[in-house]
Amino acid sequence: MTHRIVIEPIALKVLSEITDRRVQGAIRDRIDGLAHDPGLQGKPLVGELRGYRSLRAAGQRYRIIYRVEKSKTLVLVVSLGIRREGDRQDVYALAKKLLRLGLV
């Protein structure tokens, strides 16, 4: 079964700001790959991000955070970025902030 992929505007903005076209292409390829069996890819997240999954991309440096809506055969990419543990710009910290603000 093929899923439709929807990328939130904030994730599109982050993707467009990546200057290295090879990295940008690698991330796009990983996102496109989510159309087939997205529930088997990535790892399930816990805590505030329960219900979302994380997928590594571009040499394991970037993370793609997404949610699978099986009833709509939809994959919703809510955030992507670099894992920077302890930093305000950490992709997981940004995703939690978006959820708290109700932006996703």
PDB file of N, CA and C in Angstrom:
ATOM      1  N   MET A   1       0.831  -1.173   0.000  1.00  0.00           N
ATOM      2  CA  MET A   1       0.000   0.000   0.000  1.00  0.00           C
ATOM      3  C   MET A   1       0.884   1.249   0.000  1.00  0.00           C
ATOM      4  N   THR A   2       0.564   2.179  -0.848  1.00  0.00           N
ATOM      5  CA  THR A   2       1.336   3.414  -0.953  1.00  0.00           C
ATOM      6  C   THR A   2       0.673   4.505  -0.124  1.00  0.00           C
ATOM      7  N   HIS A   3       1.479   5.185   0.657  1.00  0.00           N
ATOM      8  CA  HIS A   3       0.994   6.287   1.484  1.00  0.00           C
ATOM      9  C   HIS A   3       1.306   7.617   0.805  1.00  0.00           C
ATOM     10  N   ARG A   4       0.411   8.576   1.004  1.00  0.00           N
ATOM     11  CA  ARG A   4       0.639   9.934   0.520  1.00  0.00           C
ATOM     12  C   ARG A   4       1.494  10.641   1.568  1.00  0.00           C
ATOM     13  N   ILE A   5       2.452  11.439   1.121  1.00  0.00           N
ATOM     14  CA  ILE A   5       3.360  12.134   2.028  1.00  0.00           C
ATOM     15  C   ILE A   5       3.022  13.617   2.040  1.00  0.00           C
ATOM     16  N   VAL A   6       2.855  14.148   3.244  1.00  0.00           N
ATOM     17  CA  VAL A   6       2.601  15.573   3.438  1.00  0.00           C
ATOM     18  C   VAL A   6       3.713  16.108   4.327  1.00  0.00           C
ATOM     19  N   ILE A   7       4.347  17.182   3.891  1.00  0.00           N
ATOM     20  CA  ILE A   7       5.432  17.787   4.666  1.00  0.00           C
ATOM     21  C   ILE A   7       4.936  19.121   5.210  1.00  0.00           C
ATOM     22  N   GLU A   8       5.007  19.266   6.526  1.00  0.00           N
ATOM     23  CA  GLU A   8       4.582  20.508   7.176  1.00  0.00           C
ATOM     24  C   GLU A   8       5.445  21.673   6.682  1.00  0.00           C
ATOM     25  N   PRO A   9       4.893  22.882   6.627  1.00  0.00           N
ATOM     26  CA  PRO A   9       5.646  24.050   6.144  1.00  0.00           C
ATOM     27  C   PRO A   9       6.960  24.304   6.890  1.00  0.00           C
ATOM     28  N   ILE A  10       6.968  24.074   8.196  1.00  0.00           N
ATOM     29  CA  ILE A  10       8.205  24.301   8.963  1.00  0.00           C
ATOM     30  C   ILE A  10       9.301  23.324   8.521  1.00  0.00           C
ATOM     31  N   ALA A  11       8.917  22.078   8.230  1.00  0.00           N
ATOM     32  CA  ALA A  11       9.899  21.095   7.764  1.00  0.00           C
ATOM     33  C   ALA A  11      10.377  21.445   6.357  1.00  0.00           C
ATOM     34  N   LEU A  12       9.479  21.938   5.511  1.00  0.00           N
ATOM     35  CA  LEU A  12       9.882  22.368   4.165  1.00  0.00           C
ATOM     36  C   LEU A  12      10.868  23.530   4.232  1.00  0.00           C
ATOM     37  N   LYS A  13      10.642  24.434   5.166  1.00  0.00           N
ATOM     38  CA  LYS A  13      11.533  25.584   5.327  1.00  0.00           C
ATOM     39  C   LYS A  13      12.934  25.120   5.723  1.00  0.00           C
ATOM     40  N   VAL A  14      13.000  24.203   6.691  1.00  0.00           N
ATOM     41  CA  VAL A  14      14.295  23.676   7.126  1.00  0.00           C
ATOM     42  C   VAL A  14      14.987  22.975   5.964  1.00  0.00           C
ATOM     43  N   LEU A  15      14.237  22.184   5.208  1.00  0.00           N
ATOM     44  CA  LEU A  15      14.811  21.466   4.070  1.00  0.00           C
ATOM     45  C   LEU A  15      15.344  22.432   3.020  1.00  0.00           C
ATOM     46  N   SER A  16      14.618  23.493   2.753  1.00  0.00           N
ATOM     47  CA  SER A  16      15.061  24.454   1.734  1.00  0.00           C
ATOM     48  C   SER A  16      16.288  25.258   2.183  1.00  0.00           C
ATOM     49  N   GLU A  17      16.502  25.362   3.488  1.00  0.00           N
ATOM     50  CA  GLU A  17      17.651  26.119   3.997  1.00  0.00           C
ATOM     51  C   GLU A  17      18.949  25.314   4.020  1.00  0.00           C
ATOM     52  N   ILE A  18      18.870  24.019   3.735  1.00  0.00           N
ATOM     53  CA  ILE A  18      20.077  23.192   3.672  1.00  0.00           C
ATOM     54  C   ILE A  18      20.794  23.529   2.376  1.00  0.00           C
ATOM     55  N   THR A  19      22.017  24.024   2.496  1.00  0.00           N
ATOM     56  CA  THR A  19      22.736  24.514   1.317  1.00  0.00           C
ATOM     57  C   THR A  19      23.395  23.406   0.502  1.00  0.00           C
ATOM     58  N   ASP A  20      23.762  22.321   1.132  1.00  0.00           N
ATOM     59  CA  ASP A  20      24.406  21.217   0.427  1.00  0.00           C
ATOM     60  C   ASP A  20      23.337  20.413  -0.321  1.00  0.00           C
ATOM     61  N   ARG A  21      23.350  20.471  -1.638  1.00  0.00           N
ATOM     62  CA  ARG A  21      22.336  19.819  -2.463  1.00  0.00           C
ATOM     63  C   ARG A  21      22.362  18.297  -2.337  1.00  0.00           C
ATOM     64  N   ARG A  22      23.536  17.727  -2.071  1.00  0.00           N
ATOM     65  CA  ARG A  22      23.605  16.271  -1.895  1.00  0.00           C
ATOM     66  C   ARG A  22      22.876  15.846  -0.630  1.00  0.00           C
ATOM     67  N   VAL A  23      23.076  16.600   0.448  1.00  0.00           N
ATOM     68  CA  VAL A  23      22.390  16.312   1.706  1.00  0.00           C
ATOM     69  C   VAL A  23      20.892  16.500   1.522  1.00  0.00           C
ATOM     70  N   GLN A  24      20.504  17.588   0.883  1.00  0.00           N
ATOM     71  CA  GLN A  24      19.099  17.870   0.630  1.00  0.00           C
ATOM     72  C   GLN A  24      18.466  16.738  -0.190  1.00  0.00           C
ATOM     73  N   GLY A  25      19.179  16.273  -1.195  1.00  0.00           N
ATOM     74  CA  GLY A  25      18.690  15.165  -2.025  1.00  0.00           C
ATOM     75  C   GLY A  25      18.555  13.872  -1.242  1.00  0.00           C
ATOM     76  N   ALA A  26      19.528  13.600  -0.367  1.00  0.00           N
ATOM     77  CA  ALA A  26      19.474  12.387   0.454  1.00  0.00           C
ATOM     78  C   ALA A  26      18.269  12.418   1.388  1.00  0.00           C
ATOM     79  N   ILE A  27      17.986  13.578   1.956  1.00  0.00           N
ATOM     80  CA  ILE A  27      16.829  13.710   2.847  1.00  0.00           C
ATOM     81  C   ILE A  27      15.538  13.535   2.055  1.00  0.00           C
ATOM     82  N   ARG A  28      15.468  14.143   0.885  1.00  0.00           N
ATOM     83  CA  ARG A  28      14.274  13.991   0.038  1.00  0.00           C
ATOM     84  C   ARG A  28      14.059  12.524  -0.344  1.00  0.00           C
ATOM     85  N   ASP A  29      15.137  11.815  -0.655  1.00  0.00           N
ATOM     86  CA  ASP A  29      15.022  10.399  -1.000  1.00  0.00           C
ATOM     87  C   ASP A  29      14.464   9.586   0.166  1.00  0.00           C
ATOM     88  N   ARG A  30      14.928   9.892   1.395  1.00  0.00           N
ATOM     89  CA  ARG A  30      14.437   9.173   2.580  1.00  0.00           C
ATOM     90  C   ARG A  30      12.953   9.478   2.803  1.00  0.00           C
ATOM     91  N   ILE A  31      12.565  10.743   2.598  1.00  0.00           N
ATOM     92  CA  ILE A  31      11.163  11.114   2.762  1.00  0.00           C
ATOM     93  C   ILE A  31      10.314  10.399   1.704  1.00  0.00           C
ATOM     94  N   ASP A  32      10.778  10.376   0.462  1.00  0.00           N
ATOM     95  CA  ASP A  32      10.049   9.679  -0.606  1.00  0.00           C
ATOM     96  C   ASP A  32       9.912   8.190  -0.291  1.00  0.00           C
ATOM     97  N   GLY A  33      10.916   7.615   0.357  1.00  0.00           N
ATOM     98  CA  GLY A  33      10.883   6.198   0.720  1.00  0.00           C
ATOM     99  C   GLY A  33       9.829   5.869   1.764  1.00  0.00           C
ATOM    100  N   LEU A  34       9.328   6.884   2.455  1.00  0.00           N
ATOM    101  CA  LEU A  34       8.291   6.655   3.467  1.00  0.00           C
ATOM    102  C   LEU A  34       6.942   6.294   2.854  1.00  0.00           C
ATOM    103  N   ALA A  35       6.800   6.437   1.558  1.00  0.00           N
ATOM    104  CA  ALA A  35       5.536   6.114   0.891  1.00  0.00           C
ATOM    105  C   ALA A  35       5.219   4.623   0.995  1.00  0.00           C
ATOM    106  N   HIS A  36       6.230   3.799   1.164  1.00  0.00           N
ATOM    107  CA  HIS A  36       6.040   2.346   1.258  1.00  0.00           C
ATOM    108  C   HIS A  36       6.467   1.861   2.641  1.00  0.00           C
ATOM    109  N   ASP A  37       5.551   1.281   3.373  1.00  0.00           N
ATOM    110  CA  ASP A  37       5.778   0.722   4.710  1.00  0.00           C
ATOM    111  C   ASP A  37       6.415   1.706   5.691  1.00  0.00           C
ATOM    112  N   PRO A  38       5.822   2.870   5.915  1.00  0.00           N
ATOM    113  CA  PRO A  38       6.410   3.840   6.836  1.00  0.00           C
ATOM    114  C   PRO A  38       6.430   3.365   8.284  1.00  0.00           C
ATOM    115  N   GLY A  39       5.517   2.475   8.639  1.00  0.00           N
ATOM    116  CA  GLY A  39       5.479   1.959  10.005  1.00  0.00           C
ATOM    117  C   GLY A  39       6.622   1.024  10.331  1.00  0.00           C
ATOM    118  N   LEU A  40       7.285   0.513   9.309  1.00  0.00           N
ATOM    119  CA  LEU A  40       8.412  -0.396   9.526  1.00  0.00           C
ATOM    120  C   LEU A  40       9.755   0.335   9.501  1.00  0.00           C
ATOM    121  N   GLN A  41       9.719   1.610   9.140  1.00  0.00           N
ATOM    122  CA  GLN A  41      10.957   2.396   9.052  1.00  0.00           C
ATOM    123  C   GLN A  41      11.099   3.261  10.306  1.00  0.00           C
ATOM    124  N   GLY A  42      12.291   3.685  10.577  1.00  0.00           N
ATOM    125  CA  GLY A  42      12.519   4.558  11.716  1.00  0.00           C
ATOM    126  C   GLY A  42      12.259   3.856  13.028  1.00  0.00           C
ATOM    127  N   LYS A  43      12.280   4.649  14.097  1.00  0.00           N
ATOM    128  CA  LYS A  43      12.004   4.074  15.408  1.00  0.00           C
ATOM    129  C   LYS A  43      10.887   4.871  16.066  1.00  0.00           C
ATOM    130  N   PRO A  44      10.057   4.184  16.851  1.00  0.00           N
ATOM    131  CA  PRO A  44       8.981   4.893  17.538  1.00  0.00           C
ATOM    132  C   PRO A  44       9.553   5.773  18.649  1.00  0.00           C
ATOM    133  N   LEU A  45       8.964   6.939  18.818  1.00  0.00           N
ATOM    134  CA  LEU A  45       9.420   7.860  19.853  1.00  0.00           C
ATOM    135  C   LEU A  45       8.550   7.716  21.096  1.00  0.00           C
ATOM    136  N   VAL A  46       9.056   8.172  22.227  1.00  0.00           N
ATOM    137  CA  VAL A  46       8.354   8.044  23.507  1.00  0.00           C
ATOM    138  C   VAL A  46       8.159   9.425  24.128  1.00  0.00           C
ATOM    139  N   GLY A  47       7.468   9.455  25.240  1.00  0.00           N
ATOM    140  CA  GLY A  47       7.250  10.710  25.949  1.00  0.00           C
ATOM    141  C   GLY A  47       6.309  11.618  25.199  1.00  0.00           C
ATOM    142  N   GLU A  48       6.655  12.896  25.135  1.00  0.00           N
ATOM    143  CA  GLU A  48       5.821  13.884  24.449  1.00  0.00           C
ATOM    144  C   GLU A  48       5.629  13.569  22.974  1.00  0.00           C
ATOM    145  N   LEU A  49       6.579  12.863  22.386  1.00  0.00           N
ATOM    146  CA  LEU A  49       6.521  12.565  20.953  1.00  0.00           C
ATOM    147  C   LEU A  49       5.943  11.178  20.670  1.00  0.00           C
ATOM    148  N   ARG A  50       5.235  10.617  21.642  1.00  0.00           N
ATOM    149  CA  ARG A  50       4.602   9.303  21.447  1.00  0.00           C
ATOM    150  C   ARG A  50       3.655   9.390  20.251  1.00  0.00           C
ATOM    151  N   GLY A  51       3.690   8.381  19.403  1.00  0.00           N
ATOM    152  CA  GLY A  51       2.856   8.377  18.197  1.00  0.00           C
ATOM    153  C   GLY A  51       3.611   8.839  16.961  1.00  0.00           C
ATOM    154  N   TYR A  52       4.815   9.355  17.170  1.00  0.00           N
ATOM    155  CA  TYR A  52       5.662   9.801  16.064  1.00  0.00           C
ATOM    156  C   TYR A  52       6.816   8.828  15.917  1.00  0.00           C
ATOM    157  N   ARG A  53       7.466   8.895  14.782  1.00  0.00           N
ATOM    158  CA  ARG A  53       8.629   8.042  14.507  1.00  0.00           C
ATOM    159  C   ARG A  53       9.782   8.923  14.055  1.00  0.00           C
ATOM    160  N   SER A  54      11.001   8.426  14.218  1.00  0.00           N
ATOM    161  CA  SER A  54      12.200   9.154  13.818  1.00  0.00           C
ATOM    162  C   SER A  54      12.990   8.297  12.842  1.00  0.00           C
ATOM    163  N   LEU A  55      13.409   8.924  11.764  1.00  0.00           N
ATOM    164  CA  LEU A  55      14.170   8.234  10.724  1.00  0.00           C
ATOM    165  C   LEU A  55      15.460   8.989  10.480  1.00  0.00           C
ATOM    166  N   ARG A  56      16.568   8.284  10.462  1.00  0.00           N
ATOM    167  CA  ARG A  56      17.863   8.917  10.200  1.00  0.00           C
ATOM    168  C   ARG A  56      18.047   9.124   8.706  1.00  0.00           C
ATOM    169  N   ALA A  57      18.741  10.219   8.365  1.00  0.00           N
ATOM    170  CA  ALA A  57      18.974  10.528   6.953  1.00  0.00           C
ATOM    171  C   ALA A  57      20.301  11.240   6.789  1.00  0.00           C
ATOM    172  N   ALA A  58      20.822  11.234   5.585  1.00  0.00           N
ATOM    173  CA  ALA A  58      22.051  11.960   5.207  1.00  0.00           C
ATOM    174  C   ALA A  58      23.214  11.620   6.129  1.00  0.00           C
ATOM    175  N   GLY A  59      23.627  10.387   6.072  1.00  0.00           N
ATOM    176  CA  GLY A  59      24.795   9.972   6.850  1.00  0.00           C
ATOM    177  C   GLY A  59      24.539   9.934   8.336  1.00  0.00           C
ATOM    178  N   GLN A  60      23.317   9.646   8.748  1.00  0.00           N
ATOM    179  CA  GLN A  60      22.923   9.501  10.136  1.00  0.00           C
ATOM    180  C   GLN A  60      22.915  10.810  10.923  1.00  0.00           C
ATOM    181  N   ARG A  61      23.185  11.934  10.279  1.00  0.00           N
ATOM    182  CA  ARG A  61      23.285  13.210  10.978  1.00  0.00           C
ATOM    183  C   ARG A  61      21.931  13.877  11.165  1.00  0.00           C
ATOM    184  N   TYR A  62      21.089  13.776  10.162  1.00  0.00           N
ATOM    185  CA  TYR A  62      19.776  14.419  10.202  1.00  0.00           C
ATOM    186  C   TYR A  62      18.716  13.429  10.657  1.00  0.00           C
ATOM    187  N   ARG A  63      17.647  13.961  11.239  1.00  0.00           N
ATOM    188  CA  ARG A  63      16.506  13.147  11.642  1.00  0.00           C
ATOM    189  C   ARG A  63      15.251  13.694  10.963  1.00  0.00           C
ATOM    190  N   ILE A  64      14.383  12.786  10.574  1.00  0.00           N
ATOM    191  CA  ILE A  64      13.085  13.130  10.020  1.00  0.00           C
ATOM    192  C   ILE A  64      12.058  12.625  11.023  1.00  0.00           C
ATOM    193  N   ILE A  65      11.227  13.510  11.543  1.00  0.00           N
ATOM    194  CA  ILE A  65      10.211  13.122  12.510  1.00  0.00           C
ATOM    195  C   ILE A  65       8.864  13.147  11.790  1.00  0.00           C
ATOM    196  N   TYR A  66       8.168  12.010  11.857  1.00  0.00           N
ATOM    197  CA  TYR A  66       6.927  11.880  11.106  1.00  0.00           C
ATOM    198  C   TYR A  66       5.894  11.060  11.874  1.00  0.00           C
ATOM    199  N   ARG A  67       4.654  11.160  11.428  1.00  0.00           N
ATOM    200  CA  ARG A  67       3.549  10.402  12.010  1.00  0.00           C
ATOM    201  C   ARG A  67       2.832   9.685  10.868  1.00  0.00           C
ATOM    202  N   VAL A  68       2.446   8.458  11.108  1.00  0.00           N
ATOM    203  CA  VAL A  68       1.720   7.671  10.112  1.00  0.00           C
ATOM    204  C   VAL A  68       0.246   7.666  10.499  1.00  0.00           C
ATOM    205  N   GLU A  69      -0.605   8.093   9.583  1.00  0.00           N
ATOM    206  CA  GLU A  69      -2.049   8.050   9.796  1.00  0.00           C
ATOM    207  C   GLU A  69      -2.601   6.964   8.886  1.00  0.00           C
ATOM    208  N   LYS A  70      -2.763   5.773   9.458  1.00  0.00           N
ATOM    209  CA  LYS A  70      -3.159   4.604   8.666  1.00  0.00           C
ATOM    210  C   LYS A  70      -4.537   4.746   8.051  1.00  0.00           C
ATOM    211  N   SER A  71      -5.463   5.379   8.764  1.00  0.00           N
ATOM    212  CA  SER A  71      -6.830   5.494   8.243  1.00  0.00           C
ATOM    213  C   SER A  71      -6.892   6.343   6.978  1.00  0.00           C
ATOM    214  N   LYS A  72      -5.953   7.263   6.839  1.00  0.00           N
ATOM    215  CA  LYS A  72      -5.923   8.145   5.667  1.00  0.00           C
ATOM    216  C   LYS A  72      -4.805   7.762   4.700  1.00  0.00           C
ATOM    217  N   THR A  73      -4.093   6.680   4.987  1.00  0.00           N
ATOM    218  CA  THR A  73      -2.894   6.289   4.238  1.00  0.00           C
ATOM    219  C   THR A  73      -2.018   7.518   3.972  1.00  0.00           C
ATOM    220  N   LEU A  74      -1.644   8.169   5.065  1.00  0.00           N
ATOM    221  CA  LEU A  74      -0.929   9.432   5.017  1.00  0.00           C
ATOM    222  C   LEU A  74       0.294   9.375   5.918  1.00  0.00           C
ATOM    223  N   VAL A  75       1.402   9.947   5.446  1.00  0.00           N
ATOM    224  CA  VAL A  75       2.590  10.138   6.266  1.00  0.00           C
ATOM    225  C   VAL A  75       2.777  11.639   6.401  1.00  0.00           C
ATOM    226  N   LEU A  76       2.775  12.139   7.637  1.00  0.00           N
ATOM    227  CA  LEU A  76       2.903  13.560   7.907  1.00  0.00           C
ATOM    228  C   LEU A  76       4.286  13.836   8.482  1.00  0.00           C
ATOM    229  N   VAL A  77       5.152  14.484   7.699  1.00  0.00           N
ATOM    230  CA  VAL A  77       6.489  14.853   8.152  1.00  0.00           C
ATOM    231  C   VAL A  77       6.351  16.175   8.896  1.00  0.00           C
ATOM    232  N   VAL A  78       6.606  16.159  10.208  1.00  0.00           N
ATOM    233  CA  VAL A  78       6.382  17.360  11.017  1.00  0.00           C
ATOM    234  C   VAL A  78       7.651  18.155  11.261  1.00  0.00           C
ATOM    235  N   SER A  79       8.797  17.508  11.248  1.00  0.00           N
ATOM    236  CA  SER A  79      10.039  18.221  11.531  1.00  0.00           C
ATOM    237  C   SER A  79      11.211  17.440  10.970  1.00  0.00           C
ATOM    238  N   LEU A  80      12.271  18.160  10.688  1.00  0.00           N
ATOM    239  CA  LEU A  80      13.523  17.519  10.330  1.00  0.00           C
ATOM    240  C   LEU A  80      14.658  18.445  10.700  1.00  0.00           C
ATOM    241  N   GLY A  81      15.801  17.873  10.952  1.00  0.00           N
ATOM    242  CA  GLY A  81      16.951  18.674  11.333  1.00  0.00           C
ATOM    243  C   GLY A  81      18.064  17.818  11.898  1.00  0.00           C
ATOM    244  N   ILE A  82      19.050  18.492  12.449  1.00  0.00           N
ATOM    245  CA  ILE A  82      20.221  17.816  12.999  1.00  0.00           C
ATOM    246  C   ILE A  82      19.993  17.511  14.472  1.00  0.00           C
ATOM    247  N   ARG A  83      20.436  16.345  14.898  1.00  0.00           N
ATOM    248  CA  ARG A  83      20.370  15.954  16.302  1.00  0.00           C
ATOM    249  C   ARG A  83      21.488  16.672  17.031  1.00  0.00           C
ATOM    250  N   ARG A  84      21.120  17.577  17.943  1.00  0.00           N
ATOM    251  CA  ARG A  84      22.099  18.311  18.752  1.00  0.00           C
ATOM    252  C   ARG A  84      21.661  18.213  20.203  1.00  0.00           C
ATOM    253  N   GLU A  85      21.999  17.132  20.846  1.00  0.00           N
ATOM    254  CA  GLU A  85      21.535  16.888  22.202  1.00  0.00           C
ATOM    255  C   GLU A  85      21.914  18.036  23.140  1.00  0.00           C
ATOM    256  N   GLY A  86      20.921  18.532  23.890  1.00  0.00           N
ATOM    257  CA  GLY A  86      21.156  19.610  24.832  1.00  0.00           C
ATOM    258  C   GLY A  86      21.095  21.000  24.227  1.00  0.00           C
ATOM    259  N   ASP A  87      20.900  21.101  22.932  1.00  0.00           N
ATOM    260  CA  ASP A  87      20.863  22.390  22.237  1.00  0.00           C
ATOM    261  C   ASP A  87      19.410  22.771  21.959  1.00  0.00           C
ATOM    262  N   ARG A  88      19.104  24.056  21.982  1.00  0.00           N
ATOM    263  CA  ARG A  88      17.748  24.513  21.675  1.00  0.00           C
ATOM    264  C   ARG A  88      17.362  24.180  20.247  1.00  0.00           C
ATOM    265  N   GLN A  89      18.318  24.055  19.363  1.00  0.00           N
ATOM    266  CA  GLN A  89      18.050  23.775  17.952  1.00  0.00           C
ATOM    267  C   GLN A  89      17.982  22.280  17.648  1.00  0.00           C
ATOM    268  N   ASP A  90      18.005  21.442  18.688  1.00  0.00           N
ATOM    269  CA  ASP A  90      17.885  19.995  18.522  1.00  0.00           C
ATOM    270  C   ASP A  90      16.544  19.676  17.856  1.00  0.00           C
ATOM    271  N   VAL A  91      16.557  18.773  16.899  1.00  0.00           N
ATOM    272  CA  VAL A  91      15.348  18.447  16.134  1.00  0.00           C
ATOM    273  C   VAL A  91      14.229  17.934  17.039  1.00  0.00           C
ATOM    274  N   TYR A  92      14.564  17.182  18.072  1.00  0.00           N
ATOM    275  CA  TYR A  92      13.541  16.659  18.972  1.00  0.00           C
ATOM    276  C   TYR A  92      12.958  17.776  19.841  1.00  0.00           C
ATOM    277  N   ALA A  93      13.802  18.701  20.292  1.00  0.00           N
ATOM    278  CA  ALA A  93      13.325  19.843  21.087  1.00  0.00           C
ATOM    279  C   ALA A  93      12.393  20.712  20.245  1.00  0.00           C
ATOM    280  N   LEU A  94      12.735  20.913  18.981  1.00  0.00           N
ATOM    281  CA  LEU A  94      11.873  21.706  18.098  1.00  0.00           C
ATOM    282  C   LEU A  94      10.532  21.016  17.858  1.00  0.00           C
ATOM    283  N   ALA A  95      10.548  19.700  17.680  1.00  0.00           N
ATOM    284  CA  ALA A  95       9.303  18.960  17.453  1.00  0.00           C
ATOM    285  C   ALA A  95       8.402  19.048  18.688  1.00  0.00           C
ATOM    286  N   LYS A  96       8.978  18.924  19.881  1.00  0.00           N
ATOM    287  CA  LYS A  96       8.193  19.037  21.113  1.00  0.00           C
ATOM    288  C   LYS A  96       7.580  20.427  21.227  1.00  0.00           C
ATOM    289  N   LYS A  97       8.353  21.442  20.873  1.00  0.00           N
ATOM    290  CA  LYS A  97       7.852  22.813  20.941  1.00  0.00           C
ATOM    291  C   LYS A  97       6.684  23.009  19.976  1.00  0.00           C
ATOM    292  N   LEU A  98       6.804  22.482  18.761  1.00  0.00           N
ATOM    293  CA  LEU A  98       5.711  22.574  17.786  1.00  0.00           C
ATOM    294  C   LEU A  98       4.449  21.903  18.305  1.00  0.00           C
ATOM    295  N   LEU A  99       4.610  20.758  18.963  1.00  0.00           N
ATOM    296  CA  LEU A  99       3.455  20.047  19.514  1.00  0.00           C
ATOM    297  C   LEU A  99       2.808  20.834  20.647  1.00  0.00           C
ATOM    298  N   ARG A 100       3.636  21.384  21.539  1.00  0.00           N
ATOM    299  CA  ARG A 100       3.104  22.178  22.650  1.00  0.00           C
ATOM    300  C   ARG A 100       2.339  23.403  22.171  1.00  0.00           C
ATOM    301  N   LEU A 101       2.821  24.015  21.095  1.00  0.00           N
ATOM    302  CA  LEU A 101       2.170  25.212  20.547  1.00  0.00           C
ATOM    303  C   LEU A 101       0.975  24.867  19.662  1.00  0.00           C
ATOM    304  N   GLY A 102       0.774  23.582  19.402  1.00  0.00           N
ATOM    305  CA  GLY A 102      -0.350  23.153  18.576  1.00  0.00           C
ATOM    306  C   GLY A 102      -0.167  23.441  17.100  1.00  0.00           C
ATOM    307  N   LEU A 103       1.068  23.544  16.667  1.00  0.00           N
ATOM    308  CA  LEU A 103       1.344  23.857  15.261  1.00  0.00           C
ATOM    309  C   LEU A 103       1.356  22.627  14.374  1.00  0.00           C
ATOM    310  N   VAL A 104       1.313  21.445  14.965  1.00  0.00           N
ATOM    311  CA  VAL A 104       1.217  20.202  14.187  1.00  0.00           C
ATOM    312  C   VAL A 104       0.166  19.305  14.786  1.00  0.00           C
TER     313      VAL A 104
END
